[in-house]
C-alpha atoms as a PDB file:
ATOM      1  CA  MET A   1       0.000   0.000   0.000  1.00  0.00           C
ATOM      2  CA  ARG A   2       2.841   2.396   0.833  1.00  0.00           C
ATOM      3  CA  SER A   3       4.531   1.976  -2.561  1.00  0.00           C
ATOM      4  CA  GLU A   4       1.193   2.551  -4.266  1.00  0.00           C
ATOM      5  CA  GLN A   5       0.734   5.790  -2.312  1.00  0.00           C
ATOM      6  CA  ARG A   6       4.256   6.937  -3.228  1.00  0.00           C
ATOM      7  CA  GLN A   7       3.573   6.105  -6.876  1.00  0.00           C
ATOM      8  CA  ASN A   8       0.400   8.232  -6.871  1.00  0.00           C
ATOM      9  CA  GLU A   9       2.244  11.157  -5.263  1.00  0.00           C
ATOM     10  CA  THR A  10       4.974  11.160  -7.912  1.00  0.00           C
ATOM     11  CA  ARG A  11       2.434  10.804 -10.710  1.00  0.00           C
ATOM     12  CA  ASP A  12       0.531  13.906  -9.580  1.00  0.00           C
ATOM     13  CA  GLN A  13       3.602  16.150  -9.411  1.00  0.00           C
ATOM     14  CA  GLU A  14       4.415  18.332 -12.388  1.00  0.00           C
ATOM     15  CA  VAL A  15       7.715  17.592 -14.008  1.00  0.00           C
ATOM     16  CA  PRO A  16       9.646  20.631 -15.249  1.00  0.00           C
ATOM     17  CA  GLY A  17       9.985  20.511 -18.988  1.00  0.00           C
ATOM     18  CA  ASP A  18       6.683  18.729 -19.608  1.00  0.00           C
ATOM     19  CA  ALA A  19       5.303  19.154 -23.088  1.00  0.00           C
ATOM     20  CA  TRP A  20       2.887  22.042 -23.621  1.00  0.00           C
ATOM     21  CA  TRP A  21      -0.019  19.637 -24.108  1.00  0.00           C
ATOM     22  CA  ALA A  22       0.608  17.629 -20.917  1.00  0.00           C
ATOM     23  CA  GLY A  23      -2.164  19.237 -18.871  1.00  0.00           C
ATOM     24  CA  LEU A  24      -4.885  19.719 -21.475  1.00  0.00           C
ATOM     25  CA  GLY A  25      -7.201  16.892 -20.439  1.00  0.00           C
ATOM     26  CA  PRO A  26      -9.827  15.190 -22.572  1.00  0.00           C
ATOM     27  CA  VAL A  27     -11.571  18.384 -23.695  1.00  0.00           C
ATOM     28  CA  GLY A  28      -8.293  19.946 -24.813  1.00  0.00           C
ATOM     29  CA  GLY A  29      -7.407  16.752 -26.653  1.00  0.00           C
ATOM     30  CA  VAL A  30     -10.693  16.766 -28.540  1.00  0.00           C
ATOM     31  CA  VAL A  31     -10.244  20.465 -29.381  1.00  0.00           C
ATOM     32  CA  LEU A  32      -6.763  19.741 -30.777  1.00  0.00           C
ATOM     33  CA  LEU A  33      -8.118  16.779 -32.721  1.00  0.00           C
ATOM     34  CA  LEU A  34     -10.913  18.821 -34.289  1.00  0.00           C
ATOM     35  CA  THR A  35      -8.595  21.749 -35.023  1.00  0.00           C
ATOM     36  CA  GLY A  36      -6.138  19.487 -36.820  1.00  0.00           C
ATOM     37  CA  LEU A  37      -8.908  17.855 -38.810  1.00  0.00           C
ATOM     38  CA  GLY A  38     -10.227  21.305 -39.741  1.00  0.00           C
ATOM     39  CA  VAL A  39      -6.810  22.364 -41.032  1.00  0.00           C
ATOM     40  CA  LEU A  40      -6.505  19.130 -43.019  1.00  0.00           C
ATOM     41  CA  LEU A  41      -9.942  19.749 -44.534  1.00  0.00           C
ATOM     42  CA  TRP A  42      -8.862  23.316 -45.368  1.00  0.00           C
ATOM     43  CA  ILE A  43      -5.818  21.929 -47.186  1.00  0.00           C
ATOM     44  CA  PHE A  44      -7.869  19.241 -48.948  1.00  0.00           C
ATOM     45  CA  LEU A  45     -10.368  21.805 -50.234  1.00  0.00           C
ATOM     46  CA  ASP A  46      -7.435  24.011 -51.365  1.00  0.00           C
ATOM     47  CA  LEU A  47      -8.849  27.110 -49.734  1.00  0.00           C
ATOM     48  CA  PRO A  48      -6.826  30.370 -49.555  1.00  0.00           C
ATOM     49  CA  GLY A  49      -3.765  30.164 -47.335  1.00  0.00           C
ATOM     50  CA  ALA A  50      -3.414  26.381 -47.694  1.00  0.00           C
ATOM     51  CA  ARG A  51      -0.133  26.546 -49.620  1.00  0.00           C
ATOM     52  CA  GLY A  52       2.328  26.232 -46.727  1.00  0.00           C
ATOM     53  CA  PRO A  53       5.002  23.637 -47.504  1.00  0.00           C
ATOM     54  CA  HIS A  54       4.705  21.816 -44.188  1.00  0.00           C
ATOM     55  CA  LEU A  55       1.145  22.682 -43.270  1.00  0.00           C
ATOM     56  CA  SER A  56      -0.236  19.170 -43.734  1.00  0.00           C
ATOM     57  CA  TYR A  57       2.569  17.720 -41.622  1.00  0.00           C
ATOM     58  CA  GLU A  58       1.861  20.192 -38.816  1.00  0.00           C
ATOM     59  CA  ALA A  59      -1.884  19.505 -39.012  1.00  0.00           C
ATOM     60  CA  ALA A  60      -1.253  15.765 -38.804  1.00  0.00           C
ATOM     61  CA  LYS A  61       0.898  16.313 -35.705  1.00  0.00           C
ATOM     62  CA  ILE A  62      -1.931  18.286 -34.089  1.00  0.00           C
ATOM     63  CA  VAL A  63      -4.395  15.472 -34.851  1.00  0.00           C
ATOM     64  CA  ALA A  64      -2.026  12.863 -33.409  1.00  0.00           C
ATOM     65  CA  ILE A  65      -1.332  14.863 -30.241  1.00  0.00           C
ATOM     66  CA  GLY A  66      -5.051  15.493 -29.757  1.00  0.00           C
ATOM     67  CA  ALA A  67      -5.882  11.806 -30.179  1.00  0.00           C
ATOM     68  CA  VAL A  68      -3.192  10.735 -27.716  1.00  0.00           C
ATOM     69  CA  VAL A  69      -4.114  13.355 -25.111  1.00  0.00           C
ATOM     70  CA  ALA A  70      -7.848  12.624 -25.297  1.00  0.00           C
ATOM     71  CA  GLY A  71      -7.377   8.862 -25.327  1.00  0.00           C
ATOM     72  CA  THR A  72      -4.915   8.635 -22.481  1.00  0.00           C
ATOM     73  CA  THR A  73      -6.824  10.984 -20.200  1.00  0.00           C
ATOM     74  CA  LEU A  74     -10.095   9.174 -20.823  1.00  0.00           C
ATOM     75  CA  LEU A  75      -8.462   5.792 -20.213  1.00  0.00           C
ATOM     76  CA  ALA A  76      -6.812   7.060 -17.032  1.00  0.00           C
ATOM     77  CA  ARG A  77     -10.118   8.403 -15.774  1.00  0.00           C
ATOM     78  CA  ARG A  78     -11.836   5.103 -16.576  1.00  0.00           C
ATOM     79  CA  ARG A  79      -9.119   3.175 -14.753  1.00  0.00           C
ATOM     80  CA  LYS A  80      -9.354   5.476 -11.733  1.00  0.00           C
ATOM     81  CA  ASP A  81     -13.148   5.002 -11.593  1.00  0.00           C
ATOM     82  CA  ARG A  82     -12.770   1.217 -11.887  1.00  0.00           C
ATOM     83  CA  ASP A  83     -10.138   1.114  -9.130  1.00  0.00           C
ATOM     84  CA  ALA A  84     -12.357   3.224  -6.857  1.00  0.00           C
ATOM     85  CA  ALA A  85     -15.297   0.884  -7.462  1.00  0.00           C
ATOM     86  CA  GLU A  86     -13.192  -2.146  -6.520  1.00  0.00           C
ATOM     87  CA  ASP A  87     -12.237  -0.635  -3.151  1.00  0.00           C
END
């Protein structure tokens, strides 16, 4: 039990140098996901301003980060709820 408590304490502490998206949560992840998909749609429809050389790469990175952030936070929340129900 003691090691589990220590593990939870270290998990909740902020680590200096965390990525900018580390604390967004599920809503922030979904917003990033939708923003990236919107930019990709903008590029696909060839609307004005969609001529940046690396724009599609950057939009794909935003989609990937949003999917990871939303997925991991939702899974962590689900696991936390399941662990609380078992106790």
